[in-house]
N, C-alpha and C. Protein backbone atom coordinates (compact mmCIF):
# COMPACT_ATOMS: atom_id res chain seq x y z
N MET A 1 -3.37 -20.60 -10.61
CA MET A 1 -3.58 -20.16 -9.25
C MET A 1 -2.21 -20.04 -8.58
N THR A 2 -1.94 -18.90 -7.98
CA THR A 2 -0.67 -18.70 -7.31
C THR A 2 -0.79 -19.07 -5.85
N LYS A 3 0.30 -19.51 -5.30
CA LYS A 3 0.33 -19.92 -3.90
C LYS A 3 0.72 -18.72 -3.04
N THR A 4 -0.05 -18.44 -1.99
CA THR A 4 0.27 -17.31 -1.12
C THR A 4 1.12 -17.79 0.04
N SER A 5 2.00 -16.91 0.49
CA SER A 5 2.91 -17.27 1.56
C SER A 5 2.25 -17.16 2.93
N GLY A 6 1.11 -16.47 3.00
CA GLY A 6 0.43 -16.31 4.27
C GLY A 6 0.94 -15.14 5.08
N LYS A 7 1.99 -14.48 4.59
CA LYS A 7 2.51 -13.31 5.29
C LYS A 7 1.61 -12.11 5.03
N LYS A 8 1.56 -11.23 6.00
CA LYS A 8 0.76 -10.02 5.87
C LYS A 8 1.64 -8.81 6.12
N LEU A 9 1.26 -7.70 5.50
CA LEU A 9 1.91 -6.42 5.71
C LEU A 9 0.89 -5.43 6.22
N ARG A 10 1.26 -4.61 7.17
CA ARG A 10 0.39 -3.55 7.66
C ARG A 10 0.88 -2.25 7.02
N VAL A 11 0.00 -1.62 6.24
CA VAL A 11 0.35 -0.41 5.50
C VAL A 11 -0.50 0.74 6.02
N THR A 12 0.15 1.86 6.34
CA THR A 12 -0.53 3.05 6.84
C THR A 12 -0.22 4.23 5.94
N LEU A 13 -1.25 4.97 5.56
CA LEU A 13 -1.07 6.16 4.73
C LEU A 13 -0.73 7.35 5.62
N LEU A 14 0.44 7.94 5.40
CA LEU A 14 0.91 9.05 6.24
C LEU A 14 0.68 10.41 5.59
N LYS A 15 0.79 10.48 4.26
CA LYS A 15 0.61 11.74 3.55
C LYS A 15 -0.56 11.62 2.59
N SER A 16 -1.20 12.73 2.30
CA SER A 16 -2.30 12.75 1.36
C SER A 16 -1.78 12.54 -0.06
N PRO A 17 -2.47 11.73 -0.86
CA PRO A 17 -2.03 11.50 -2.24
C PRO A 17 -2.43 12.61 -3.21
N PHE A 18 -3.21 13.58 -2.77
CA PHE A 18 -3.65 14.65 -3.67
C PHE A 18 -2.46 15.48 -4.12
N GLY A 19 -2.43 15.75 -5.41
CA GLY A 19 -1.34 16.52 -5.98
C GLY A 19 -0.16 15.67 -6.41
N THR A 20 -0.28 14.33 -6.32
CA THR A 20 0.84 13.46 -6.67
C THR A 20 0.72 12.86 -8.06
N GLY A 21 -0.43 12.98 -8.68
CA GLY A 21 -0.63 12.40 -10.01
C GLY A 21 -1.55 11.19 -9.95
N LYS A 22 -2.10 10.85 -11.09
CA LYS A 22 -3.10 9.77 -11.16
C LYS A 22 -2.52 8.41 -10.81
N ASN A 23 -1.29 8.14 -11.26
CA ASN A 23 -0.72 6.82 -11.02
C ASN A 23 -0.49 6.56 -9.53
N HIS A 24 0.00 7.54 -8.82
CA HIS A 24 0.26 7.36 -7.39
C HIS A 24 -1.05 7.30 -6.61
N MET A 25 -2.03 8.07 -7.02
CA MET A 25 -3.34 8.00 -6.37
C MET A 25 -3.97 6.63 -6.60
N ALA A 26 -3.79 6.07 -7.79
CA ALA A 26 -4.32 4.74 -8.09
C ALA A 26 -3.62 3.67 -7.26
N CYS A 27 -2.33 3.82 -7.03
CA CYS A 27 -1.60 2.86 -6.19
C CYS A 27 -2.12 2.88 -4.76
N VAL A 28 -2.37 4.06 -4.23
CA VAL A 28 -2.89 4.19 -2.87
C VAL A 28 -4.26 3.53 -2.78
N ARG A 29 -5.13 3.78 -3.77
CA ARG A 29 -6.46 3.17 -3.76
C ARG A 29 -6.35 1.66 -3.96
N GLY A 30 -5.39 1.22 -4.76
CA GLY A 30 -5.19 -0.21 -4.99
C GLY A 30 -4.77 -0.95 -3.74
N LEU A 31 -4.10 -0.26 -2.84
CA LEU A 31 -3.72 -0.85 -1.56
C LEU A 31 -4.89 -0.87 -0.58
N GLY A 32 -5.97 -0.16 -0.92
CA GLY A 32 -7.14 -0.13 -0.05
C GLY A 32 -7.13 1.00 0.95
N LEU A 33 -6.23 1.95 0.77
CA LEU A 33 -6.13 3.08 1.70
C LEU A 33 -7.08 4.18 1.26
N ARG A 34 -7.80 4.75 2.21
CA ARG A 34 -8.83 5.73 1.88
C ARG A 34 -8.50 7.14 2.35
N ARG A 35 -7.86 7.28 3.49
CA ARG A 35 -7.60 8.61 4.05
C ARG A 35 -6.31 8.55 4.86
N ARG A 36 -5.82 9.72 5.27
CA ARG A 36 -4.59 9.77 6.07
C ARG A 36 -4.77 9.00 7.37
N HIS A 37 -3.72 8.32 7.78
CA HIS A 37 -3.67 7.52 9.01
C HIS A 37 -4.60 6.31 8.97
N HIS A 38 -5.05 5.93 7.79
CA HIS A 38 -5.84 4.72 7.62
C HIS A 38 -4.86 3.56 7.46
N THR A 39 -5.12 2.45 8.16
CA THR A 39 -4.24 1.29 8.13
C THR A 39 -4.99 0.09 7.58
N VAL A 40 -4.32 -0.66 6.70
CA VAL A 40 -4.89 -1.90 6.17
C VAL A 40 -3.84 -2.99 6.25
N GLU A 41 -4.32 -4.24 6.29
CA GLU A 41 -3.42 -5.39 6.22
C GLU A 41 -3.62 -6.05 4.86
N VAL A 42 -2.52 -6.24 4.14
CA VAL A 42 -2.57 -6.81 2.80
C VAL A 42 -1.62 -8.00 2.73
N GLU A 43 -1.87 -8.89 1.78
CA GLU A 43 -1.00 -10.05 1.55
C GLU A 43 0.36 -9.57 1.05
N ASP A 44 1.39 -10.28 1.42
CA ASP A 44 2.75 -9.95 0.99
C ASP A 44 3.02 -10.64 -0.34
N THR A 45 2.70 -9.96 -1.45
CA THR A 45 2.93 -10.49 -2.78
C THR A 45 3.82 -9.52 -3.55
N PRO A 46 4.43 -9.97 -4.63
CA PRO A 46 5.27 -9.07 -5.42
C PRO A 46 4.49 -7.87 -5.97
N ALA A 47 3.23 -8.06 -6.33
CA ALA A 47 2.43 -6.96 -6.86
C ALA A 47 2.20 -5.89 -5.79
N VAL A 48 1.88 -6.33 -4.59
CA VAL A 48 1.65 -5.38 -3.49
C VAL A 48 2.95 -4.69 -3.12
N ARG A 49 4.06 -5.43 -3.13
CA ARG A 49 5.36 -4.81 -2.84
C ARG A 49 5.68 -3.72 -3.86
N GLY A 50 5.31 -3.94 -5.12
CA GLY A 50 5.54 -2.94 -6.15
C GLY A 50 4.73 -1.68 -5.92
N LEU A 51 3.46 -1.84 -5.50
CA LEU A 51 2.63 -0.68 -5.18
C LEU A 51 3.22 0.10 -4.01
N ILE A 52 3.67 -0.61 -2.99
CA ILE A 52 4.24 0.04 -1.81
C ILE A 52 5.52 0.77 -2.18
N THR A 53 6.35 0.17 -3.02
CA THR A 53 7.60 0.80 -3.44
C THR A 53 7.34 2.09 -4.20
N LYS A 54 6.30 2.09 -5.03
CA LYS A 54 5.99 3.26 -5.85
C LYS A 54 5.57 4.46 -5.01
N VAL A 55 4.87 4.21 -3.91
CA VAL A 55 4.38 5.29 -3.06
C VAL A 55 5.02 5.25 -1.67
N ALA A 56 6.26 4.80 -1.61
CA ALA A 56 6.95 4.62 -0.32
C ALA A 56 7.09 5.92 0.46
N TYR A 57 7.11 7.04 -0.22
CA TYR A 57 7.25 8.33 0.47
C TYR A 57 5.96 8.75 1.17
N MET A 58 4.86 8.05 0.90
CA MET A 58 3.56 8.39 1.50
C MET A 58 3.08 7.39 2.54
N VAL A 59 3.67 6.20 2.56
CA VAL A 59 3.15 5.14 3.42
C VAL A 59 4.21 4.62 4.38
N LYS A 60 3.72 3.98 5.43
CA LYS A 60 4.59 3.26 6.37
C LYS A 60 4.20 1.80 6.29
N CYS A 61 5.17 0.91 6.17
CA CYS A 61 4.90 -0.50 5.99
C CYS A 61 5.63 -1.29 7.06
N GLU A 62 4.93 -2.26 7.66
CA GLU A 62 5.56 -3.12 8.65
C GLU A 62 4.96 -4.53 8.52
N GLU A 63 5.76 -5.53 8.86
CA GLU A 63 5.30 -6.91 8.79
C GLU A 63 4.46 -7.24 10.01
N VAL A 64 3.46 -8.08 9.79
CA VAL A 64 2.57 -8.48 10.88
C VAL A 64 2.94 -9.86 11.34
């Protein structure tokens, strides 16, 4: 069991993932984003940071 830091990140999808390839679309879905301008709050973990880094050109990320 890993220990969570309790930090949260607010992630907003700015661009549509269509036409970007399966891996990038999977990253967007893995973050819980469904449509443009949809915002979710996710735990600040290395795995989530990796997903955000991969699709950084499509999302806006800010600390909560």
